N, C-alpha and C. Protein backbone atom coordinates (compact mmCIF):
# COMPACT_ATOMS: atom_id res chain seq x y z
N SER A 1 0.85 -1.20 0.00
CA SER A 1 0.00 0.00 0.00
C SER A 1 0.88 1.25 0.00
N PRO A 2 0.43 2.34 -0.65
CA PRO A 2 1.25 3.55 -0.72
C PRO A 2 1.45 4.17 0.67
N ALA A 3 2.58 4.85 0.82
CA ALA A 3 2.91 5.47 2.12
C ALA A 3 1.90 6.56 2.45
N ARG A 4 1.52 6.63 3.71
CA ARG A 4 0.55 7.64 4.15
C ARG A 4 1.21 9.02 4.14
N PRO A 5 0.57 10.04 3.54
CA PRO A 5 1.18 11.38 3.57
C PRO A 5 1.26 11.90 5.00
N PRO A 6 2.29 12.68 5.33
CA PRO A 6 2.42 13.18 6.70
C PRO A 6 1.28 14.12 7.07
N SER A 7 0.86 14.05 8.31
CA SER A 7 -0.21 14.93 8.79
C SER A 7 0.34 16.34 9.00
N ASP A 8 -0.57 17.30 9.20
CA ASP A 8 -0.15 18.69 9.45
C ASP A 8 0.73 18.76 10.69
N ALA A 9 0.34 18.03 11.73
CA ALA A 9 1.12 18.04 12.98
C ALA A 9 2.53 17.50 12.75
N GLU A 10 2.63 16.43 11.96
CA GLU A 10 3.95 15.84 11.66
C GLU A 10 4.80 16.79 10.84
N ARG A 11 4.17 17.50 9.90
CA ARG A 11 4.92 18.47 9.08
C ARG A 11 5.45 19.61 9.94
N ARG A 12 4.58 20.08 10.86
CA ARG A 12 5.01 21.17 11.75
C ARG A 12 6.18 20.73 12.63
N MET A 13 6.08 19.48 13.13
CA MET A 13 7.16 18.97 13.97
C MET A 13 8.46 18.88 13.19
N ALA A 14 8.38 18.40 11.94
CA ALA A 14 9.57 18.28 11.10
C ALA A 14 10.17 19.65 10.81
N ALA A 15 9.30 20.65 10.58
CA ALA A 15 9.77 22.00 10.27
C ALA A 15 10.45 22.64 11.47
N ASN A 16 9.99 22.28 12.68
CA ASN A 16 10.53 22.89 13.89
C ASN A 16 11.75 22.17 14.44
N MET A 17 12.06 21.01 13.86
CA MET A 17 13.22 20.27 14.37
C MET A 17 14.50 21.02 14.05
N ALA A 18 15.32 21.23 15.06
CA ALA A 18 16.62 21.86 14.85
C ALA A 18 17.58 20.81 14.30
N MET A 19 18.82 21.21 14.04
CA MET A 19 19.81 20.26 13.56
C MET A 19 20.15 19.25 14.66
N GLN A 20 20.79 18.17 14.27
CA GLN A 20 21.16 17.13 15.23
C GLN A 20 22.05 17.73 16.32
N PRO A 21 21.83 17.35 17.58
CA PRO A 21 22.63 17.93 18.67
C PRO A 21 24.14 17.79 18.46
N LYS A 22 24.58 16.66 17.90
CA LYS A 22 26.02 16.45 17.69
C LYS A 22 26.57 17.47 16.70
N ASP A 23 25.86 17.69 15.58
CA ASP A 23 26.29 18.70 14.60
C ASP A 23 26.29 20.09 15.23
N ALA A 24 25.23 20.37 15.98
CA ALA A 24 25.10 21.68 16.62
C ALA A 24 26.25 21.94 17.58
N ALA A 25 26.58 20.94 18.39
CA ALA A 25 27.66 21.10 19.36
C ALA A 25 29.00 21.31 18.66
N GLU A 26 29.22 20.61 17.54
CA GLU A 26 30.48 20.76 16.80
C GLU A 26 30.61 22.17 16.23
N ILE A 27 29.53 22.69 15.65
CA ILE A 27 29.56 24.05 15.08
C ILE A 27 29.76 25.08 16.19
N HIS A 28 29.03 24.91 17.28
CA HIS A 28 29.15 25.82 18.44
C HIS A 28 30.59 25.86 18.93
N ASP A 29 31.18 24.68 19.18
CA ASP A 29 32.54 24.61 19.73
C ASP A 29 33.57 25.12 18.73
N MET A 30 33.38 24.80 17.46
CA MET A 30 34.31 25.24 16.42
C MET A 30 34.31 26.77 16.32
N PHE A 31 33.12 27.37 16.37
CA PHE A 31 33.00 28.83 16.25
C PHE A 31 33.65 29.53 17.44
N PHE A 32 33.29 29.12 18.65
CA PHE A 32 33.81 29.81 19.83
C PHE A 32 35.30 29.52 20.06
N GLY A 33 35.80 28.43 19.48
CA GLY A 33 37.22 28.12 19.61
C GLY A 33 38.09 28.74 18.53
N ALA A 34 37.48 29.39 17.54
CA ALA A 34 38.22 29.93 16.39
C ALA A 34 38.61 31.39 16.59
N GLY A 35 39.61 31.83 15.81
CA GLY A 35 40.02 33.23 15.80
C GLY A 35 39.16 34.03 14.83
N PRO A 36 39.39 35.35 14.74
CA PRO A 36 38.53 36.22 13.91
C PRO A 36 38.41 35.78 12.45
N SER A 37 39.54 35.46 11.80
CA SER A 37 39.47 35.12 10.37
C SER A 37 38.77 33.78 10.15
N GLU A 38 39.03 32.81 11.07
CA GLU A 38 38.35 31.51 10.95
C GLU A 38 36.85 31.66 11.19
N ARG A 39 36.48 32.53 12.13
CA ARG A 39 35.05 32.75 12.40
C ARG A 39 34.35 33.33 11.17
N ALA A 40 34.99 34.28 10.53
CA ALA A 40 34.41 34.88 9.32
C ALA A 40 34.21 33.81 8.24
N LEU A 41 35.18 32.90 8.14
CA LEU A 41 35.09 31.82 7.14
C LEU A 41 33.98 30.83 7.50
N ILE A 42 33.87 30.49 8.78
CA ILE A 42 32.80 29.59 9.24
C ILE A 42 31.44 30.18 8.89
N LEU A 43 31.26 31.46 9.19
CA LEU A 43 29.97 32.12 8.91
C LEU A 43 29.69 32.17 7.41
N HIS A 44 30.72 32.42 6.63
CA HIS A 44 30.56 32.44 5.17
C HIS A 44 30.12 31.06 4.67
N ASN A 45 30.75 30.01 5.21
CA ASN A 45 30.45 28.64 4.76
C ASN A 45 29.06 28.16 5.21
N LEU A 46 28.60 28.69 6.34
CA LEU A 46 27.28 28.26 6.84
C LEU A 46 26.16 28.60 5.86
N ALA A 47 26.36 29.67 5.10
CA ALA A 47 25.34 30.08 4.12
C ALA A 47 25.15 29.01 3.04
N GLN A 48 26.21 28.23 2.78
CA GLN A 48 26.16 27.23 1.71
C GLN A 48 25.76 25.84 2.20
N THR A 49 25.69 25.64 3.51
CA THR A 49 25.45 24.29 4.03
C THR A 49 23.97 23.90 3.89
N PRO A 50 23.71 22.59 3.83
CA PRO A 50 22.31 22.14 3.80
C PRO A 50 21.69 22.09 5.20
N LEU A 51 22.45 22.50 6.22
CA LEU A 51 21.93 22.46 7.60
C LEU A 51 20.70 23.34 7.74
N LYS A 52 19.81 22.92 8.61
CA LYS A 52 18.54 23.64 8.79
C LYS A 52 18.75 24.89 9.63
N ALA A 53 18.23 26.01 9.15
CA ALA A 53 18.31 27.28 9.89
C ALA A 53 17.15 27.37 10.88
N ALA A 54 17.37 28.15 11.93
CA ALA A 54 16.28 28.44 12.87
C ALA A 54 15.24 29.32 12.17
N PRO A 55 13.98 29.26 12.57
CA PRO A 55 12.98 30.17 11.99
C PRO A 55 13.32 31.62 12.33
N ARG A 56 12.89 32.54 11.49
CA ARG A 56 13.12 33.97 11.76
C ARG A 56 12.39 34.39 13.04
N ILE A 57 13.00 35.33 13.75
CA ILE A 57 12.34 35.91 14.92
C ILE A 57 11.22 36.83 14.41
N PRO A 58 10.00 36.71 14.93
CA PRO A 58 8.92 37.59 14.48
C PRO A 58 9.32 39.07 14.58
N THR A 59 8.95 39.85 13.57
CA THR A 59 9.40 41.25 13.45
C THR A 59 9.09 42.09 14.68
N VAL A 60 7.88 41.98 15.18
CA VAL A 60 7.48 42.80 16.35
C VAL A 60 8.36 42.47 17.55
N ARG A 61 8.59 41.17 17.75
CA ARG A 61 9.43 40.73 18.89
C ARG A 61 10.87 41.20 18.70
N ALA A 62 11.37 41.10 17.47
CA ALA A 62 12.75 41.50 17.18
C ALA A 62 12.95 43.00 17.40
N LYS A 63 11.98 43.81 16.95
CA LYS A 63 12.09 45.27 17.11
C LYS A 63 12.12 45.66 18.58
N ARG A 64 11.27 44.99 19.36
CA ARG A 64 11.25 45.28 20.80
C ARG A 64 12.60 44.90 21.44
N ALA A 65 13.13 43.75 21.01
CA ALA A 65 14.41 43.28 21.54
C ALA A 65 15.54 44.26 21.22
N ILE A 66 15.54 44.79 20.00
CA ILE A 66 16.58 45.74 19.58
C ILE A 66 16.56 46.98 20.47
N GLN A 67 15.37 47.49 20.76
CA GLN A 67 15.24 48.67 21.64
C GLN A 67 15.76 48.38 23.04
N ILE A 68 15.35 47.23 23.60
CA ILE A 68 15.76 46.87 24.96
C ILE A 68 17.27 46.64 25.02
N LEU A 69 17.82 45.95 24.02
CA LEU A 69 19.25 45.66 23.98
C LEU A 69 20.07 46.95 23.89
N GLU A 70 19.60 47.88 23.06
CA GLU A 70 20.34 49.14 22.90
C GLU A 70 20.32 49.95 24.21
N MET A 71 19.17 49.99 24.87
CA MET A 71 19.07 50.71 26.14
C MET A 71 19.97 50.07 27.21
N ALA A 72 19.96 48.73 27.25
CA ALA A 72 20.80 48.01 28.22
C ALA A 72 22.28 48.24 27.93
N ALA A 73 22.64 48.28 26.63
CA ALA A 73 24.04 48.52 26.25
C ALA A 73 24.50 49.91 26.66
N ILE A 74 23.67 50.92 26.41
CA ILE A 74 24.01 52.31 26.77
C ILE A 74 24.16 52.44 28.29
N ALA A 75 23.31 51.71 29.03
CA ALA A 75 23.36 51.76 30.50
C ALA A 75 24.47 50.86 31.06
N GLY A 76 25.08 50.05 30.20
CA GLY A 76 26.12 49.12 30.66
C GLY A 76 25.56 48.01 31.54
N ASP A 77 24.29 47.68 31.32
CA ASP A 77 23.60 46.67 32.13
C ASP A 77 23.77 45.29 31.48
N VAL A 78 24.83 44.61 31.87
CA VAL A 78 25.17 43.33 31.25
C VAL A 78 24.09 42.27 31.52
N GLU A 79 23.59 42.26 32.74
CA GLU A 79 22.60 41.24 33.13
C GLU A 79 21.31 41.37 32.31
N SER A 80 20.80 42.61 32.20
CA SER A 80 19.57 42.83 31.41
C SER A 80 19.80 42.53 29.94
N PHE A 81 20.99 42.88 29.44
CA PHE A 81 21.32 42.64 28.05
C PHE A 81 21.30 41.13 27.77
N ALA A 82 21.98 40.35 28.61
CA ALA A 82 22.05 38.90 28.41
C ALA A 82 20.66 38.26 28.55
N LEU A 83 19.88 38.77 29.49
CA LEU A 83 18.53 38.24 29.72
C LEU A 83 17.64 38.45 28.49
N GLU A 84 17.69 39.67 27.93
CA GLU A 84 16.87 39.98 26.75
C GLU A 84 17.35 39.21 25.52
N LEU A 85 18.67 39.07 25.40
CA LEU A 85 19.23 38.33 24.27
C LEU A 85 18.75 36.88 24.30
N GLY A 86 18.84 36.26 25.47
CA GLY A 86 18.40 34.87 25.61
C GLY A 86 16.91 34.72 25.39
N ASP A 87 16.14 35.69 25.89
CA ASP A 87 14.69 35.64 25.79
C ASP A 87 14.23 35.81 24.33
N SER A 88 14.79 36.78 23.65
CA SER A 88 14.35 37.07 22.27
C SER A 88 14.81 36.01 21.27
N LEU A 89 15.98 35.41 21.52
CA LEU A 89 16.51 34.40 20.59
C LEU A 89 16.21 32.97 21.05
N ILE A 90 15.47 32.86 22.15
CA ILE A 90 15.11 31.54 22.71
C ILE A 90 16.38 30.72 22.96
N LEU A 91 17.30 31.33 23.69
CA LEU A 91 18.56 30.69 24.05
C LEU A 91 18.64 30.51 25.56
N PRO A 92 19.25 29.43 26.02
CA PRO A 92 19.46 29.29 27.47
C PRO A 92 20.45 30.33 27.98
N SER A 93 20.38 30.63 29.26
CA SER A 93 21.21 31.69 29.84
C SER A 93 22.70 31.42 29.66
N ARG A 94 23.09 30.14 29.66
CA ARG A 94 24.51 29.80 29.50
C ARG A 94 25.04 30.28 28.15
N VAL A 95 24.27 30.04 27.09
CA VAL A 95 24.71 30.44 25.75
C VAL A 95 24.63 31.95 25.58
N ALA A 96 23.56 32.57 26.11
CA ALA A 96 23.43 34.04 26.03
C ALA A 96 24.61 34.71 26.72
N ALA A 97 25.02 34.19 27.88
CA ALA A 97 26.17 34.75 28.60
C ALA A 97 27.45 34.56 27.81
N GLN A 98 27.58 33.42 27.14
CA GLN A 98 28.77 33.15 26.32
C GLN A 98 28.87 34.14 25.16
N ILE A 99 27.74 34.48 24.55
CA ILE A 99 27.71 35.45 23.45
C ILE A 99 28.11 36.83 23.97
N VAL A 100 27.54 37.21 25.11
CA VAL A 100 27.82 38.54 25.69
C VAL A 100 29.28 38.65 26.11
N ASP A 101 29.83 37.57 26.68
CA ASP A 101 31.21 37.59 27.19
C ASP A 101 32.25 37.41 26.10
N ASP A 102 31.83 37.01 24.92
CA ASP A 102 32.77 36.73 23.82
C ASP A 102 33.58 37.97 23.46
N ALA A 103 34.89 37.87 23.61
CA ALA A 103 35.76 39.04 23.44
C ALA A 103 35.84 39.52 22.00
N GLY A 104 35.71 38.60 21.04
CA GLY A 104 35.89 38.99 19.64
C GLY A 104 34.77 39.83 19.06
N GLY A 105 33.55 39.63 19.56
CA GLY A 105 32.41 40.40 19.07
C GLY A 105 31.65 39.75 17.93
N GLU A 106 32.23 38.69 17.35
CA GLU A 106 31.54 38.04 16.21
C GLU A 106 30.24 37.37 16.65
N ALA A 107 30.24 36.79 17.85
CA ALA A 107 29.02 36.13 18.34
C ALA A 107 27.89 37.14 18.50
N LEU A 108 28.25 38.33 18.98
CA LEU A 108 27.25 39.39 19.13
C LEU A 108 26.72 39.83 17.76
N ALA A 109 27.60 39.84 16.77
CA ALA A 109 27.19 40.19 15.41
C ALA A 109 26.17 39.18 14.88
N VAL A 110 26.43 37.90 15.14
CA VAL A 110 25.50 36.85 14.70
C VAL A 110 24.14 37.01 15.38
N ALA A 111 24.17 37.25 16.70
CA ALA A 111 22.92 37.43 17.45
C ALA A 111 22.14 38.63 16.93
N ALA A 112 22.85 39.72 16.66
CA ALA A 112 22.20 40.94 16.16
C ALA A 112 21.60 40.71 14.77
N ARG A 113 22.33 39.98 13.92
CA ARG A 113 21.83 39.70 12.57
C ARG A 113 20.61 38.78 12.64
N ALA A 114 20.60 37.85 13.59
CA ALA A 114 19.44 36.96 13.76
C ALA A 114 18.19 37.75 14.14
N LEU A 115 18.40 38.93 14.78
CA LEU A 115 17.28 39.82 15.12
C LEU A 115 17.00 40.84 14.01
N ASP A 116 17.79 40.75 12.92
CA ASP A 116 17.68 41.71 11.81
C ASP A 116 17.90 43.15 12.30
N MET A 117 18.88 43.30 13.17
CA MET A 117 19.20 44.62 13.73
C MET A 117 19.86 45.50 12.67
N PRO A 118 19.40 46.76 12.50
CA PRO A 118 20.06 47.66 11.55
C PRO A 118 21.52 47.90 11.95
N SER A 119 22.37 48.07 10.94
CA SER A 119 23.82 48.22 11.17
C SER A 119 24.16 49.36 12.15
N PRO A 120 23.53 50.56 12.05
CA PRO A 120 23.87 51.63 13.00
C PRO A 120 23.60 51.25 14.46
N ASN A 121 22.52 50.52 14.70
CA ASN A 121 22.20 50.07 16.06
C ASN A 121 23.27 49.11 16.58
N PHE A 122 23.70 48.19 15.70
CA PHE A 122 24.74 47.24 16.09
C PHE A 122 26.03 47.97 16.44
N GLN A 123 26.39 48.96 15.63
CA GLN A 123 27.63 49.71 15.90
C GLN A 123 27.53 50.50 17.21
N ARG A 124 26.36 51.06 17.49
CA ARG A 124 26.18 51.78 18.77
C ARG A 124 26.34 50.83 19.95
N ILE A 125 25.77 49.64 19.82
CA ILE A 125 25.91 48.64 20.89
C ILE A 125 27.38 48.29 21.10
N LEU A 126 28.11 48.12 20.00
CA LEU A 126 29.55 47.84 20.11
C LEU A 126 30.27 48.94 20.87
N LEU A 127 29.99 50.19 20.53
CA LEU A 127 30.69 51.34 21.13
C LEU A 127 30.42 51.43 22.63
N PHE A 128 29.17 51.21 23.02
CA PHE A 128 28.81 51.37 24.44
C PHE A 128 29.07 50.10 25.25
N PHE A 129 28.73 48.97 24.66
CA PHE A 129 28.70 47.72 25.43
C PHE A 129 30.03 46.99 25.43
N LYS A 130 30.82 47.22 24.39
CA LYS A 130 32.11 46.55 24.27
C LYS A 130 33.21 47.60 24.14
N PRO A 131 33.55 48.28 25.24
CA PRO A 131 34.54 49.36 25.15
C PRO A 131 35.89 48.91 24.61
N GLU A 132 36.26 47.65 24.89
CA GLU A 132 37.55 47.15 24.38
C GLU A 132 37.54 47.08 22.86
N ILE A 133 36.35 46.91 22.27
CA ILE A 133 36.20 46.94 20.81
C ILE A 133 35.94 48.38 20.36
N GLY A 134 35.03 49.05 21.07
CA GLY A 134 34.65 50.42 20.71
C GLY A 134 35.79 51.42 20.72
N ASN A 135 36.82 51.15 21.54
CA ASN A 135 37.97 52.05 21.61
C ASN A 135 38.97 51.81 20.49
N SER A 136 38.75 50.77 19.70
CA SER A 136 39.65 50.47 18.58
C SER A 136 38.92 50.70 17.26
N VAL A 137 39.39 51.70 16.52
CA VAL A 137 38.77 52.02 15.23
C VAL A 137 38.82 50.81 14.30
N ASN A 138 39.96 50.12 14.31
CA ASN A 138 40.13 48.95 13.44
C ASN A 138 39.14 47.83 13.77
N GLU A 139 38.93 47.60 15.08
CA GLU A 139 38.01 46.54 15.50
C GLU A 139 36.56 46.88 15.13
N VAL A 140 36.18 48.13 15.36
CA VAL A 140 34.82 48.56 15.00
C VAL A 140 34.61 48.40 13.49
N TYR A 141 35.60 48.82 12.72
CA TYR A 141 35.50 48.73 11.26
C TYR A 141 35.43 47.26 10.82
N ARG A 142 36.28 46.41 11.43
CA ARG A 142 36.30 44.98 11.07
C ARG A 142 34.94 44.33 11.34
N LEU A 143 34.38 44.59 12.51
CA LEU A 143 33.09 43.98 12.87
C LEU A 143 31.92 44.58 12.08
N ALA A 144 32.02 45.87 11.77
CA ALA A 144 30.98 46.51 10.96
C ALA A 144 30.96 45.89 9.56
N ARG A 145 32.15 45.63 9.02
CA ARG A 145 32.25 44.99 7.70
C ARG A 145 31.72 43.56 7.75
N LEU A 146 32.12 42.84 8.79
CA LEU A 146 31.62 41.47 8.97
C LEU A 146 30.10 41.47 9.05
N TYR A 147 29.57 42.43 9.80
CA TYR A 147 28.12 42.49 10.01
C TYR A 147 27.39 42.78 8.69
N ASP A 148 27.91 43.70 7.93
CA ASP A 148 27.25 44.06 6.66
C ASP A 148 27.30 42.91 5.65
N ARG A 149 28.31 42.05 5.77
CA ARG A 149 28.44 40.91 4.85
C ARG A 149 27.72 39.66 5.36
N LEU A 150 27.34 39.68 6.62
CA LEU A 150 26.74 38.51 7.25
C LEU A 150 25.29 38.33 6.78
N GLY A 151 25.04 37.20 6.14
CA GLY A 151 23.69 36.93 5.64
C GLY A 151 22.76 36.41 6.73
N ASP A 152 21.47 36.60 6.51
CA ASP A 152 20.47 36.11 7.47
C ASP A 152 20.59 34.60 7.67
N ARG A 153 20.78 33.88 6.57
CA ARG A 153 20.81 32.41 6.66
C ARG A 153 21.96 31.94 7.55
N SER A 154 23.15 32.51 7.38
CA SER A 154 24.30 32.13 8.21
C SER A 154 23.98 32.34 9.69
N ALA A 155 23.39 33.50 9.99
CA ALA A 155 23.07 33.83 11.38
C ALA A 155 22.03 32.87 11.95
N LEU A 156 21.04 32.51 11.14
CA LEU A 156 19.97 31.63 11.63
C LEU A 156 20.42 30.17 11.73
N VAL A 157 21.37 29.76 10.88
CA VAL A 157 21.95 28.41 11.03
C VAL A 157 22.77 28.36 12.32
N MET A 158 23.55 29.42 12.58
CA MET A 158 24.33 29.47 13.82
C MET A 158 23.41 29.51 15.04
N LEU A 159 22.30 30.23 14.92
CA LEU A 159 21.32 30.27 16.01
C LEU A 159 20.78 28.86 16.30
N ALA A 160 20.49 28.12 15.24
CA ALA A 160 20.02 26.73 15.40
C ALA A 160 21.09 25.88 16.09
N ALA A 161 22.37 26.13 15.74
CA ALA A 161 23.48 25.40 16.38
C ALA A 161 23.58 25.75 17.86
N TRP A 162 23.45 27.03 18.18
CA TRP A 162 23.50 27.45 19.59
C TRP A 162 22.39 26.80 20.40
N ARG A 163 21.20 26.74 19.80
CA ARG A 163 20.07 26.10 20.51
C ARG A 163 20.31 24.60 20.66
N GLY A 164 20.74 23.96 19.58
CA GLY A 164 20.93 22.51 19.60
C GLY A 164 22.09 22.06 20.45
N SER A 165 23.12 22.90 20.58
CA SER A 165 24.30 22.52 21.36
C SER A 165 23.94 22.31 22.82
N THR A 166 22.94 23.02 23.29
CA THR A 166 22.52 22.89 24.69
C THR A 166 21.96 21.50 24.94
N LEU A 167 21.20 20.99 23.96
CA LEU A 167 20.64 19.64 24.07
C LEU A 167 21.76 18.61 24.11
N ALA A 168 22.80 18.83 23.30
CA ALA A 168 23.94 17.90 23.28
C ALA A 168 24.66 17.91 24.62
N VAL A 169 24.84 19.10 25.19
CA VAL A 169 25.50 19.22 26.50
C VAL A 169 24.68 18.52 27.57
N THR A 170 23.36 18.73 27.53
CA THR A 170 22.47 18.12 28.52
C THR A 170 22.53 16.60 28.42
N ARG A 171 22.50 16.09 27.19
CA ARG A 171 22.55 14.63 27.00
C ARG A 171 23.88 14.08 27.52
N ALA A 172 24.97 14.75 27.14
CA ALA A 172 26.30 14.29 27.55
C ALA A 172 26.44 14.33 29.07
N LYS A 173 25.79 15.31 29.68
CA LYS A 173 25.89 15.48 31.13
C LYS A 173 25.15 14.37 31.88
N TYR A 174 23.96 14.03 31.38
CA TYR A 174 23.11 13.10 32.13
C TYR A 174 23.25 11.65 31.70
N GLN A 175 23.58 11.40 30.44
CA GLN A 175 23.64 10.01 29.99
C GLN A 175 24.71 9.19 30.72
N PRO A 176 25.97 9.69 30.82
CA PRO A 176 26.98 8.90 31.53
C PRO A 176 26.57 8.61 32.97
N SER A 177 25.98 9.59 33.64
CA SER A 177 25.59 9.38 35.03
C SER A 177 24.47 8.34 35.13
N LEU A 178 23.59 8.33 34.12
CA LEU A 178 22.53 7.31 34.10
C LEU A 178 23.15 5.92 33.92
N HIS A 179 24.08 5.82 32.95
CA HIS A 179 24.74 4.54 32.70
C HIS A 179 25.53 4.11 33.93
N ASP A 180 26.25 5.05 34.54
CA ASP A 180 27.03 4.74 35.74
C ASP A 180 26.12 4.24 36.85
N GLY A 181 24.97 4.93 36.99
CA GLY A 181 24.01 4.53 38.02
C GLY A 181 23.51 3.11 37.79
N GLU A 182 23.25 2.80 36.51
CA GLU A 182 22.77 1.46 36.18
C GLU A 182 23.85 0.42 36.48
N ARG A 183 25.11 0.77 36.12
CA ARG A 183 26.22 -0.15 36.39
C ARG A 183 26.38 -0.40 37.89
N GLN A 184 26.31 0.71 38.65
CA GLN A 184 26.47 0.58 40.10
C GLN A 184 25.37 -0.28 40.70
N ARG A 185 24.13 -0.06 40.21
CA ARG A 185 23.01 -0.87 40.71
C ARG A 185 23.21 -2.35 40.34
N ALA A 186 23.71 -2.58 39.13
CA ALA A 186 23.95 -3.96 38.69
C ALA A 186 25.02 -4.62 39.55
N ARG A 187 26.11 -3.85 39.82
CA ARG A 187 27.18 -4.38 40.66
C ARG A 187 26.67 -4.67 42.07
N ALA A 188 25.90 -3.71 42.60
CA ALA A 188 25.36 -3.87 43.96
C ALA A 188 24.45 -5.09 44.02
N GLY A 189 23.63 -5.25 42.98
CA GLY A 189 22.72 -6.40 42.92
C GLY A 189 23.49 -7.71 42.87
N ALA A 190 24.56 -7.73 42.07
CA ALA A 190 25.37 -8.94 41.95
C ALA A 190 26.07 -9.25 43.27
N ALA A 191 26.57 -8.19 43.92
CA ALA A 191 27.28 -8.37 45.20
C ALA A 191 26.33 -8.90 46.27
N GLN A 192 25.07 -8.43 46.20
CA GLN A 192 24.10 -8.86 47.21
C GLN A 192 23.66 -10.30 46.98
N THR A 193 23.58 -10.71 45.71
CA THR A 193 23.09 -12.07 45.44
C THR A 193 24.14 -13.12 45.77
N ARG A 194 25.43 -12.75 45.63
CA ARG A 194 26.48 -13.75 45.89
C ARG A 194 26.43 -14.29 47.32
N PRO A 195 26.45 -13.43 48.35
CA PRO A 195 26.38 -13.96 49.72
C PRO A 195 25.09 -14.73 49.96
N GLY A 196 23.99 -14.28 49.33
CA GLY A 196 22.70 -14.94 49.53
C GLY A 196 22.70 -16.35 48.96
N VAL A 197 23.37 -16.55 47.84
CA VAL A 197 23.37 -17.85 47.17
C VAL A 197 24.29 -18.81 47.92
N GLN A 198 25.45 -18.32 48.36
CA GLN A 198 26.46 -19.21 48.94
C GLN A 198 25.97 -19.98 50.17
N PRO A 199 25.32 -19.29 51.15
CA PRO A 199 24.86 -20.08 52.30
C PRO A 199 23.85 -21.14 51.92
N GLY A 200 22.94 -20.80 51.00
CA GLY A 200 21.92 -21.76 50.58
C GLY A 200 22.53 -22.94 49.84
N ALA A 201 23.63 -22.71 49.15
CA ALA A 201 24.25 -23.75 48.35
C ALA A 201 25.13 -24.67 49.18
N MET A 202 25.59 -24.16 50.31
CA MET A 202 26.56 -24.92 51.11
C MET A 202 26.06 -26.29 51.56
N PRO A 203 24.79 -26.43 52.06
CA PRO A 203 24.35 -27.78 52.45
C PRO A 203 24.38 -28.75 51.27
N ALA A 204 23.99 -28.29 50.08
CA ALA A 204 24.00 -29.16 48.90
C ALA A 204 25.41 -29.62 48.60
N VAL A 205 26.39 -28.71 48.78
CA VAL A 205 27.79 -29.06 48.51
C VAL A 205 28.24 -30.13 49.50
N ARG A 206 27.83 -29.95 50.78
CA ARG A 206 28.24 -30.92 51.80
C ARG A 206 27.69 -32.32 51.48
N LYS A 207 26.41 -32.32 51.04
CA LYS A 207 25.77 -33.62 50.78
C LYS A 207 26.48 -34.36 49.65
N GLY A 208 26.80 -33.61 48.58
CA GLY A 208 27.34 -34.27 47.39
C GLY A 208 28.80 -34.64 47.54
N THR A 209 29.58 -33.93 48.34
CA THR A 209 31.03 -34.12 48.34
C THR A 209 31.55 -34.55 49.70
N GLY A 210 30.64 -34.57 50.66
CA GLY A 210 31.10 -34.94 51.98
C GLY A 210 31.93 -33.86 52.62
N GLY A 211 31.79 -32.64 52.12
CA GLY A 211 32.49 -31.51 52.71
C GLY A 211 33.90 -31.35 52.23
N SER A 212 34.37 -32.22 51.32
CA SER A 212 35.77 -32.16 50.90
C SER A 212 36.08 -30.89 50.13
N SER A 213 35.06 -30.30 49.49
CA SER A 213 35.35 -29.10 48.69
C SER A 213 35.33 -27.84 49.53
N GLU A 214 34.90 -27.93 50.78
CA GLU A 214 34.85 -26.73 51.62
C GLU A 214 36.23 -26.41 52.16
N ARG A 215 36.49 -25.09 52.32
CA ARG A 215 37.78 -24.68 52.85
C ARG A 215 37.65 -24.36 54.32
């Protein structure tokens, strides 16, 4: 019989599935472990990959986020900035903090592009929020150029990787402990059964061997 066409619910689930956690974790780690030129190359290559991008952030939500982020940057309020970044991009606090703390500024550029932030707003955030970058004309120019060349697709694929990497970390964190727990329970069970079996078996051994096998 012909295959049943997928239901609307199944199609929606397939559309919302992020990339595999292993792929996501590799991209996340590769990006944050790379230098400026390698990061630019990674972002350029992401535009060509078949990897699934995250859905666009709704325009109204993105505009509100841009306003809040800019106000937090001008006030130097790191906590509010990270909170809004994580909330608007649906990122866990660990990843949002990693983006905010990233010294190179490329991660912030990706986050801003995922929100479709206008270039002047991004540059203002750099000047106020990242003084170590804002005080260097070369760094501001380098990141402004990177930002203007950064495509939406690259940013949204990286966003999907940031989201998926958290799942990979969570799995890696809990799976070994689950396996270890199972092993420990198995060992404990085996250790408990051995003493229980031996006393019960001893009379049978005495009967069959006359006790010669006992030490």
